[in-house]
Amino acid sequence: MFSAINLTATSFIKENDIRDIVNNLPNDLKGFSGENSWGWSAATDICKTTKKTLTISGAWFSAEIAKRMARVLKSKLSEKGYIIKIGQFSG
């Protein structure tokens, strides 16, 4: 089953900010962390789908992991000055 959740900011999300957050995720969310041509890998996939939207997605993670990742990303982006809304979880 494929699952996804969007995080939307009121301003452009800088890739360097995403990179910094992914590189400093808590150990239980790091998974096989790395950057790809489409985005970042961690315990979930993280893709910048628009200039203001990140999508957390994957085919294997639990809803709890996705929701925790969304909360952590929202918190870390908020610390960097972004205003973030977490969308509806699908999956």
PDB file of N, CA and C in Angstrom:
ATOM      1  N   MET A   1       0.837  -1.172   0.000  1.00  0.00           N
ATOM      2  CA  MET A   1       0.000   0.000   0.000  1.00  0.00           C
ATOM      3  C   MET A   1       0.890   1.247   0.000  1.00  0.00           C
ATOM      4  N   PHE A   2       0.510   2.252  -0.760  1.00  0.00           N
ATOM      5  CA  PHE A   2       1.246   3.515  -0.849  1.00  0.00           C
ATOM      6  C   PHE A   2       0.578   4.527   0.067  1.00  0.00           C
ATOM      7  N   SER A   3       1.389   5.242   0.817  1.00  0.00           N
ATOM      8  CA  SER A   3       0.874   6.247   1.743  1.00  0.00           C
ATOM      9  C   SER A   3       1.575   7.575   1.505  1.00  0.00           C
ATOM     10  N   ALA A   4       0.888   8.676   1.805  1.00  0.00           N
ATOM     11  CA  ALA A   4       1.500   9.997   1.620  1.00  0.00           C
ATOM     12  C   ALA A   4       0.833  11.020   2.532  1.00  0.00           C
ATOM     13  N   ILE A   5       1.612  12.057   2.827  1.00  0.00           N
ATOM     14  CA  ILE A   5       1.107  13.199   3.586  1.00  0.00           C
ATOM     15  C   ILE A   5       1.894  14.424   3.128  1.00  0.00           C
ATOM     16  N   ASN A   6       1.210  15.545   2.936  1.00  0.00           N
ATOM     17  CA  ASN A   6       1.854  16.777   2.471  1.00  0.00           C
ATOM     18  C   ASN A   6       2.044  17.765   3.615  1.00  0.00           C
ATOM     19  N   LEU A   7       3.145  18.498   3.532  1.00  0.00           N
ATOM     20  CA  LEU A   7       3.394  19.629   4.412  1.00  0.00           C
ATOM     21  C   LEU A   7       3.510  20.841   3.501  1.00  0.00           C
ATOM     22  N   THR A   8       2.714  21.865   3.751  1.00  0.00           N
ATOM     23  CA  THR A   8       2.703  23.046   2.901  1.00  0.00           C
ATOM     24  C   THR A   8       3.098  24.275   3.707  1.00  0.00           C
ATOM     25  N   ALA A   9       4.011  25.060   3.144  1.00  0.00           N
ATOM     26  CA  ALA A   9       4.495  26.278   3.785  1.00  0.00           C
ATOM     27  C   ALA A   9       3.854  27.499   3.141  1.00  0.00           C
ATOM     28  N   THR A  10       3.901  28.611   3.849  1.00  0.00           N
ATOM     29  CA  THR A  10       3.382  29.862   3.298  1.00  0.00           C
ATOM     30  C   THR A  10       4.438  30.572   2.457  1.00  0.00           C
ATOM     31  N   SER A  11       5.679  30.066   2.490  1.00  0.00           N
ATOM     32  CA  SER A  11       6.763  30.645   1.695  1.00  0.00           C
ATOM     33  C   SER A  11       7.584  29.519   1.068  1.00  0.00           C
ATOM     34  N   PHE A  12       8.454  29.862   0.130  1.00  0.00           N
ATOM     35  CA  PHE A  12       9.297  28.866  -0.516  1.00  0.00           C
ATOM     36  C   PHE A  12      10.156  28.143   0.507  1.00  0.00           C
ATOM     37  N   ILE A  13      10.233  26.819   0.398  1.00  0.00           N
ATOM     38  CA  ILE A  13      11.071  26.016   1.289  1.00  0.00           C
ATOM     39  C   ILE A  13      12.429  25.840   0.624  1.00  0.00           C
ATOM     40  N   LYS A  14      13.476  26.251   1.300  1.00  0.00           N
ATOM     41  CA  LYS A  14      14.829  26.154   0.747  1.00  0.00           C
ATOM     42  C   LYS A  14      15.352  24.727   0.874  1.00  0.00           C
ATOM     43  N   GLU A  15      15.954  24.235  -0.216  1.00  0.00           N
ATOM     44  CA  GLU A  15      16.481  22.871  -0.198  1.00  0.00           C
ATOM     45  C   GLU A  15      17.569  22.694   0.856  1.00  0.00           C
ATOM     46  N   ASN A  16      18.361  23.717   1.100  1.00  0.00           N
ATOM     47  CA  ASN A  16      19.397  23.611   2.137  1.00  0.00           C
ATOM     48  C   ASN A  16      18.771  23.394   3.513  1.00  0.00           C
ATOM     49  N   ASP A  17      17.614  24.001   3.758  1.00  0.00           N
ATOM     50  CA  ASP A  17      16.933  23.798   5.033  1.00  0.00           C
ATOM     51  C   ASP A  17      16.434  22.359   5.157  1.00  0.00           C
ATOM     52  N   ILE A  18      15.880  21.820   4.076  1.00  0.00           N
ATOM     53  CA  ILE A  18      15.417  20.430   4.096  1.00  0.00           C
ATOM     54  C   ILE A  18      16.609  19.500   4.331  1.00  0.00           C
ATOM     55  N   ARG A  19      17.683  19.724   3.597  1.00  0.00           N
ATOM     56  CA  ARG A  19      18.892  18.903   3.714  1.00  0.00           C
ATOM     57  C   ARG A  19      19.398  18.902   5.151  1.00  0.00           C
ATOM     58  N   ASP A  20      19.449  20.075   5.770  1.00  0.00           N
ATOM     59  CA  ASP A  20      19.917  20.191   7.148  1.00  0.00           C
ATOM     60  C   ASP A  20      19.015  19.409   8.105  1.00  0.00           C
ATOM     61  N   ILE A  21      17.723  19.516   7.913  1.00  0.00           N
ATOM     62  CA  ILE A  21      16.774  18.809   8.781  1.00  0.00           C
ATOM     63  C   ILE A  21      16.908  17.297   8.603  1.00  0.00           C
ATOM     64  N   VAL A  22      16.941  16.828   7.364  1.00  0.00           N
ATOM     65  CA  VAL A  22      17.049  15.383   7.100  1.00  0.00           C
ATOM     66  C   VAL A  22      18.360  14.834   7.670  1.00  0.00           C
ATOM     67  N   ASN A  23      19.438  15.578   7.532  1.00  0.00           N
ATOM     68  CA  ASN A  23      20.727  15.124   8.055  1.00  0.00           C
ATOM     69  C   ASN A  23      20.758  15.065   9.569  1.00  0.00           C
ATOM     70  N   ASN A  24      19.821  15.745  10.237  1.00  0.00           N
ATOM     71  CA  ASN A  24      19.805  15.798  11.691  1.00  0.00           C
ATOM     72  C   ASN A  24      18.536  15.200  12.299  1.00  0.00           C
ATOM     73  N   LEU A  25      17.877  14.319  11.562  1.00  0.00           N
ATOM     74  CA  LEU A  25      16.684  13.655  12.087  1.00  0.00           C
ATOM     75  C   LEU A  25      17.047  12.766  13.272  1.00  0.00           C
ATOM     76  N   PRO A  26      16.080  12.530  14.181  1.00  0.00           N
ATOM     77  CA  PRO A  26      16.317  11.560  15.248  1.00  0.00           C
ATOM     78  C   PRO A  26      16.652  10.192  14.625  1.00  0.00           C
ATOM     79  N   ASN A  27      17.458   9.405  15.302  1.00  0.00           N
ATOM     80  CA  ASN A  27      17.922   8.125  14.760  1.00  0.00           C
ATOM     81  C   ASN A  27      16.798   7.219  14.285  1.00  0.00           C
ATOM     82  N   ASP A  28      15.672   7.183  14.997  1.00  0.00           N
ATOM     83  CA  ASP A  28      14.585   6.281  14.601  1.00  0.00           C
ATOM     84  C   ASP A  28      13.865   6.739  13.333  1.00  0.00           C
ATOM     85  N   LEU A  29      14.122   7.958  12.866  1.00  0.00           N
ATOM     86  CA  LEU A  29      13.522   8.437  11.614  1.00  0.00           C
ATOM     87  C   LEU A  29      14.530   8.529  10.472  1.00  0.00           C
ATOM     88  N   LYS A  30      15.800   8.300  10.753  1.00  0.00           N
ATOM     89  CA  LYS A  30      16.819   8.420   9.710  1.00  0.00           C
ATOM     90  C   LYS A  30      16.712   7.326   8.658  1.00  0.00           C
ATOM     91  N   GLY A  31      16.480   6.098   9.075  1.00  0.00           N
ATOM     92  CA  GLY A  31      16.457   5.000   8.115  1.00  0.00           C
ATOM     93  C   GLY A  31      17.754   4.979   7.342  1.00  0.00           C
ATOM     94  N   PHE A  32      17.663   4.794   6.040  1.00  0.00           N
ATOM     95  CA  PHE A  32      18.828   4.853   5.160  1.00  0.00           C
ATOM     96  C   PHE A  32      18.870   6.238   4.540  1.00  0.00           C
ATOM     97  N   SER A  33      19.253   7.222   5.345  1.00  0.00           N
ATOM     98  CA  SER A  33      19.216   8.620   4.915  1.00  0.00           C
ATOM     99  C   SER A  33      20.132   8.868   3.728  1.00  0.00           C
ATOM    100  N   GLY A  34      19.640   9.693   2.814  1.00  0.00           N
ATOM    101  CA  GLY A  34      20.439  10.094   1.675  1.00  0.00           C
ATOM    102  C   GLY A  34      19.658  11.000   0.762  1.00  0.00           C
ATOM    103  N   GLU A  35      20.384  11.687  -0.104  1.00  0.00           N
ATOM    104  CA  GLU A  35      19.759  12.600  -1.057  1.00  0.00           C
ATOM    105  C   GLU A  35      19.767  11.944  -2.430  1.00  0.00           C
ATOM    106  N   ASN A  36      18.667  12.100  -3.153  1.00  0.00           N
ATOM    107  CA  ASN A  36      18.502  11.533  -4.490  1.00  0.00           C
ATOM    108  C   ASN A  36      18.109  12.646  -5.453  1.00  0.00           C
ATOM    109  N   SER A  37      18.003  12.302  -6.717  1.00  0.00           N
ATOM    110  CA  SER A  37      17.591  13.297  -7.711  1.00  0.00           C
ATOM    111  C   SER A  37      16.158  13.775  -7.478  1.00  0.00           C
ATOM    112  N   TRP A  38      15.326  12.977  -6.832  1.00  0.00           N
ATOM    113  CA  TRP A  38      13.926  13.314  -6.606  1.00  0.00           C
ATOM    114  C   TRP A  38      13.656  13.866  -5.209  1.00  0.00           C
ATOM    115  N   GLY A  39      14.632  13.771  -4.299  1.00  0.00           N
ATOM    116  CA  GLY A  39      14.408  14.251  -2.939  1.00  0.00           C
ATOM    117  C   GLY A  39      15.327  13.570  -1.951  1.00  0.00           C
ATOM    118  N   TRP A  40      14.783  13.211  -0.791  1.00  0.00           N
ATOM    119  CA  TRP A  40      15.583  12.645   0.287  1.00  0.00           C
ATOM    120  C   TRP A  40      14.964  11.354   0.777  1.00  0.00           C
ATOM    121  N   SER A  41      15.823  10.411   1.156  1.00  0.00           N
ATOM    122  CA  SER A  41      15.382   9.161   1.755  1.00  0.00           C
ATOM    123  C   SER A  41      15.687   9.192   3.234  1.00  0.00           C
ATOM    124  N   ALA A  42      14.773   8.691   4.017  1.00  0.00           N
ATOM    125  CA  ALA A  42      14.965   8.521   5.466  1.00  0.00           C
ATOM    126  C   ALA A  42      14.047   7.360   5.838  1.00  0.00           C
ATOM    127  N   ALA A  43      13.420   7.402   7.000  1.00  0.00           N
ATOM    128  CA  ALA A  43      12.443   6.369   7.348  1.00  0.00           C
ATOM    129  C   ALA A  43      11.239   6.456   6.398  1.00  0.00           C
ATOM    130  N   THR A  44      11.078   7.609   5.754  1.00  0.00           N
ATOM    131  CA  THR A  44      10.088   7.817   4.691  1.00  0.00           C
ATOM    132  C   THR A  44      10.817   8.521   3.545  1.00  0.00           C
ATOM    133  N   ASP A  45      10.195   8.587   2.399  1.00  0.00           N
ATOM    134  CA  ASP A  45      10.732   9.413   1.314  1.00  0.00           C
ATOM    135  C   ASP A  45      10.206  10.827   1.516  1.00  0.00           C
ATOM    136  N   ILE A  46      11.053  11.807   1.225  1.00  0.00           N
ATOM    137  CA  ILE A  46      10.671  13.212   1.369  1.00  0.00           C
ATOM    138  C   ILE A  46      10.973  13.905   0.049  1.00  0.00           C
ATOM    139  N   CYS A  47       9.941  14.403  -0.592  1.00  0.00           N
ATOM    140  CA  CYS A  47      10.095  15.017  -1.913  1.00  0.00           C
ATOM    141  C   CYS A  47       9.536  16.441  -1.879  1.00  0.00           C
ATOM    142  N   LYS A  48      10.263  17.358  -2.466  1.00  0.00           N
ATOM    143  CA  LYS A  48       9.774  18.731  -2.603  1.00  0.00           C
ATOM    144  C   LYS A  48       8.941  18.763  -3.881  1.00  0.00           C
ATOM    145  N   THR A  49       7.620  18.658  -3.728  1.00  0.00           N
ATOM    146  CA  THR A  49       6.733  18.529  -4.884  1.00  0.00           C
ATOM    147  C   THR A  49       6.391  19.861  -5.535  1.00  0.00           C
ATOM    148  N   THR A  50       6.426  20.938  -4.761  1.00  0.00           N
ATOM    149  CA  THR A  50       6.328  22.293  -5.298  1.00  0.00           C
ATOM    150  C   THR A  50       7.301  23.136  -4.485  1.00  0.00           C
ATOM    151  N   LYS A  51       7.428  24.409  -4.815  1.00  0.00           N
ATOM    152  CA  LYS A  51       8.350  25.269  -4.081  1.00  0.00           C
ATOM    153  C   LYS A  51       7.939  25.433  -2.625  1.00  0.00           C
ATOM    154  N   LYS A  52       6.652  25.175  -2.332  1.00  0.00           N
ATOM    155  CA  LYS A  52       6.137  25.366  -0.980  1.00  0.00           C
ATOM    156  C   LYS A  52       5.635  24.078  -0.322  1.00  0.00           C
ATOM    157  N   THR A  53       5.768  22.930  -1.002  1.00  0.00           N
ATOM    158  CA  THR A  53       5.192  21.684  -0.493  1.00  0.00           C
ATOM    159  C   THR A  53       6.199  20.545  -0.446  1.00  0.00           C
ATOM    160  N   LEU A  54       6.216  19.859   0.694  1.00  0.00           N
ATOM    161  CA  LEU A  54       6.973  18.619   0.841  1.00  0.00           C
ATOM    162  C   LEU A  54       5.968  17.485   0.919  1.00  0.00           C
ATOM    163  N   THR A  55       6.273  16.359   0.291  1.00  0.00           N
ATOM    164  CA  THR A  55       5.437  15.172   0.388  1.00  0.00           C
ATOM    165  C   THR A  55       6.243  14.070   1.053  1.00  0.00           C
ATOM    166  N   ILE A  56       5.696  13.535   2.115  1.00  0.00           N
ATOM    167  CA  ILE A  56       6.266  12.374   2.791  1.00  0.00           C
ATOM    168  C   ILE A  56       5.528  11.180   2.210  1.00  0.00           C
ATOM    169  N   SER A  57       6.267  10.225   1.665  1.00  0.00           N
ATOM    170  CA  SER A  57       5.587   9.099   1.025  1.00  0.00           C
ATOM    171  C   SER A  57       6.382   7.817   1.184  1.00  0.00           C
ATOM    172  N   GLY A  58       5.740   6.723   0.826  1.00  0.00           N
ATOM    173  CA  GLY A  58       6.378   5.423   0.852  1.00  0.00           C
ATOM    174  C   GLY A  58       5.351   4.321   0.746  1.00  0.00           C
ATOM    175  N   ALA A  59       5.847   3.136   0.491  1.00  0.00           N
ATOM    176  CA  ALA A  59       4.954   1.997   0.326  1.00  0.00           C
ATOM    177  C   ALA A  59       4.977   1.067   1.525  1.00  0.00           C
ATOM    178  N   TRP A  60       5.897   1.270   2.437  1.00  0.00           N
ATOM    179  CA  TRP A  60       6.070   0.270   3.490  1.00  0.00           C
ATOM    180  C   TRP A  60       5.924   0.801   4.905  1.00  0.00           C
ATOM    181  N   PHE A  61       5.954   2.104   5.120  1.00  0.00           N
ATOM    182  CA  PHE A  61       5.970   2.613   6.488  1.00  0.00           C
ATOM    183  C   PHE A  61       4.572   2.653   7.091  1.00  0.00           C
ATOM    184  N   SER A  62       4.515   2.673   8.398  1.00  0.00           N
ATOM    185  CA  SER A  62       3.231   2.734   9.092  1.00  0.00           C
ATOM    186  C   SER A  62       2.722   4.168   9.140  1.00  0.00           C
ATOM    187  N   ALA A  63       1.451   4.289   9.391  1.00  0.00           N
ATOM    188  CA  ALA A  63       0.842   5.612   9.528  1.00  0.00           C
ATOM    189  C   ALA A  63       1.487   6.373  10.677  1.00  0.00           C
ATOM    190  N   GLU A  64       1.848   5.679  11.741  1.00  0.00           N
ATOM    191  CA  GLU A  64       2.468   6.341  12.886  1.00  0.00           C
ATOM    192  C   GLU A  64       3.822   6.945  12.527  1.00  0.00           C
ATOM    193  N   ILE A  65       4.614   6.243  11.713  1.00  0.00           N
ATOM    194  CA  ILE A  65       5.910   6.777  11.279  1.00  0.00           C
ATOM    195  C   ILE A  65       5.694   8.009  10.418  1.00  0.00           C
ATOM    196  N   ALA A  66       4.750   7.948   9.489  1.00  0.00           N
ATOM    197  CA  ALA A  66       4.469   9.095   8.621  1.00  0.00           C
ATOM    198  C   ALA A  66       4.015  10.302   9.434  1.00  0.00           C
ATOM    199  N   LYS A  67       3.133  10.082  10.381  1.00  0.00           N
ATOM    200  CA  LYS A  67       2.629  11.182  11.201  1.00  0.00           C
ATOM    201  C   LYS A  67       3.727  11.752  12.086  1.00  0.00           C
ATOM    202  N   ARG A  68       4.585  10.888  12.625  1.00  0.00           N
ATOM    203  CA  ARG A  68       5.701  11.381  13.446  1.00  0.00           C
ATOM    204  C   ARG A  68       6.681  12.178  12.595  1.00  0.00           C
ATOM    205  N   MET A  69       6.992  11.668  11.385  1.00  0.00           N
ATOM    206  CA  MET A  69       7.887  12.388  10.482  1.00  0.00           C
ATOM    207  C   MET A  69       7.297  13.761  10.165  1.00  0.00           C
ATOM    208  N   ALA A  70       6.000  13.829   9.894  1.00  0.00           N
ATOM    209  CA  ALA A  70       5.348  15.101   9.592  1.00  0.00           C
ATOM    210  C   ALA A  70       5.478  16.066  10.762  1.00  0.00           C
ATOM    211  N   ARG A  71       5.268  15.578  11.985  1.00  0.00           N
ATOM    212  CA  ARG A  71       5.373  16.443  13.171  1.00  0.00           C
ATOM    213  C   ARG A  71       6.802  16.950  13.356  1.00  0.00           C
ATOM    214  N   VAL A  72       7.785  16.065  13.156  1.00  0.00           N
ATOM    215  CA  VAL A  72       9.190  16.464  13.313  1.00  0.00           C
ATOM    216  C   VAL A  72       9.570  17.483  12.245  1.00  0.00           C
ATOM    217  N   LEU A  73       9.209  17.222  10.983  1.00  0.00           N
ATOM    218  CA  LEU A  73       9.529  18.168   9.906  1.00  0.00           C
ATOM    219  C   LEU A  73       8.854  19.514  10.152  1.00  0.00           C
ATOM    220  N   LYS A  74       7.585  19.495  10.569  1.00  0.00           N
ATOM    221  CA  LYS A  74       6.879  20.756  10.846  1.00  0.00           C
ATOM    222  C   LYS A  74       7.599  21.527  11.949  1.00  0.00           C
ATOM    223  N   SER A  75       7.978  20.844  13.020  1.00  0.00           N
ATOM    224  CA  SER A  75       8.658  21.485  14.141  1.00  0.00           C
ATOM    225  C   SER A  75       9.996  22.092  13.706  1.00  0.00           C
ATOM    226  N   LYS A  76      10.782  21.310  12.968  1.00  0.00           N
ATOM    227  CA  LYS A  76      12.110  21.776  12.545  1.00  0.00           C
ATOM    228  C   LYS A  76      12.001  22.915  11.534  1.00  0.00           C
ATOM    229  N   LEU A  77      11.023  22.833  10.621  1.00  0.00           N
ATOM    230  CA  LEU A  77      10.825  23.923   9.660  1.00  0.00           C
ATOM    231  C   LEU A  77      10.325  25.180  10.376  1.00  0.00           C
ATOM    232  N   SER A  78       9.475  25.006  11.386  1.00  0.00           N
ATOM    233  CA  SER A  78       8.984  26.144  12.169  1.00  0.00           C
ATOM    234  C   SER A  78      10.137  26.840  12.891  1.00  0.00           C
ATOM    235  N   GLU A  79      11.089  26.053  13.397  1.00  0.00           N
ATOM    236  CA  GLU A  79      12.272  26.626  14.044  1.00  0.00           C
ATOM    237  C   GLU A  79      13.077  27.493  13.074  1.00  0.00           C
ATOM    238  N   LYS A  80      12.978  27.181  11.777  1.00  0.00           N
ATOM    239  CA  LYS A  80      13.698  27.940  10.754  1.00  0.00           C
ATOM    240  C   LYS A  80      12.858  29.102  10.213  1.00  0.00           C
ATOM    241  N   GLY A  81      11.673  29.326  10.800  1.00  0.00           N
ATOM    242  CA  GLY A  81      10.856  30.472  10.429  1.00  0.00           C
ATOM    243  C   GLY A  81       9.726  30.198   9.460  1.00  0.00           C
ATOM    244  N   TYR A  82       9.522  28.948   9.065  1.00  0.00           N
ATOM    245  CA  TYR A  82       8.430  28.614   8.144  1.00  0.00           C
ATOM    246  C   TYR A  82       7.124  28.432   8.914  1.00  0.00           C
ATOM    247  N   ILE A  83       6.017  28.769   8.264  1.00  0.00           N
ATOM    248  CA  ILE A  83       4.691  28.473   8.791  1.00  0.00           C
ATOM    249  C   ILE A  83       4.200  27.283   7.981  1.00  0.00           C
ATOM    250  N   ILE A  84       3.951  26.167   8.655  1.00  0.00           N
ATOM    251  CA  ILE A  84       3.667  24.893   7.992  1.00  0.00           C
ATOM    252  C   ILE A  84       2.293  24.372   8.364  1.00  0.00           C
ATOM    253  N   LYS A  85       1.584  23.845   7.363  1.00  0.00           N
ATOM    254  CA  LYS A  85       0.313  23.155   7.583  1.00  0.00           C
ATOM    255  C   LYS A  85       0.515  21.702   7.158  1.00  0.00           C
ATOM    256  N   ILE A  86       0.096  20.773   8.015  1.00  0.00           N
ATOM    257  CA  ILE A  86       0.163  19.347   7.688  1.00  0.00           C
ATOM    258  C   ILE A  86      -1.162  18.953   7.057  1.00  0.00           C
ATOM    259  N   GLY A  87      -1.100  18.350   5.885  1.00  0.00           N
ATOM    260  CA  GLY A  87      -2.304  17.924   5.178  1.00  0.00           C
ATOM    261  C   GLY A  87      -2.840  16.609   5.685  1.00  0.00           C
ATOM    262  N   GLN A  88      -3.877  16.127   5.057  1.00  0.00           N
ATOM    263  CA  GLN A  88      -4.532  14.870   5.412  1.00  0.00           C
ATOM    264  C   GLN A  88      -3.665  13.691   5.015  1.00  0.00           C
ATOM    265  N   PHE A  89      -3.542  12.714   5.893  1.00  0.00           N
ATOM    266  CA  PHE A  89      -2.805  11.489   5.614  1.00  0.00           C
ATOM    267  C   PHE A  89      -3.641  10.632   4.672  1.00  0.00           C
ATOM    268  N   SER A  90      -3.002  10.090   3.638  1.00  0.00           N
ATOM    269  CA  SER A  90      -3.705   9.168   2.735  1.00  0.00           C
ATOM    270  C   SER A  90      -2.962   7.854   2.706  1.00  0.00           C
ATOM    271  N   GLY A  91      -3.680   6.793   2.807  1.00  0.00           N
ATOM    272  CA  GLY A  91      -3.029   5.482   2.745  1.00  0.00           C
ATOM    273  C   GLY A  91      -3.590   4.496   3.706  1.00  0.00           C
TER     274      GLY A  91
END
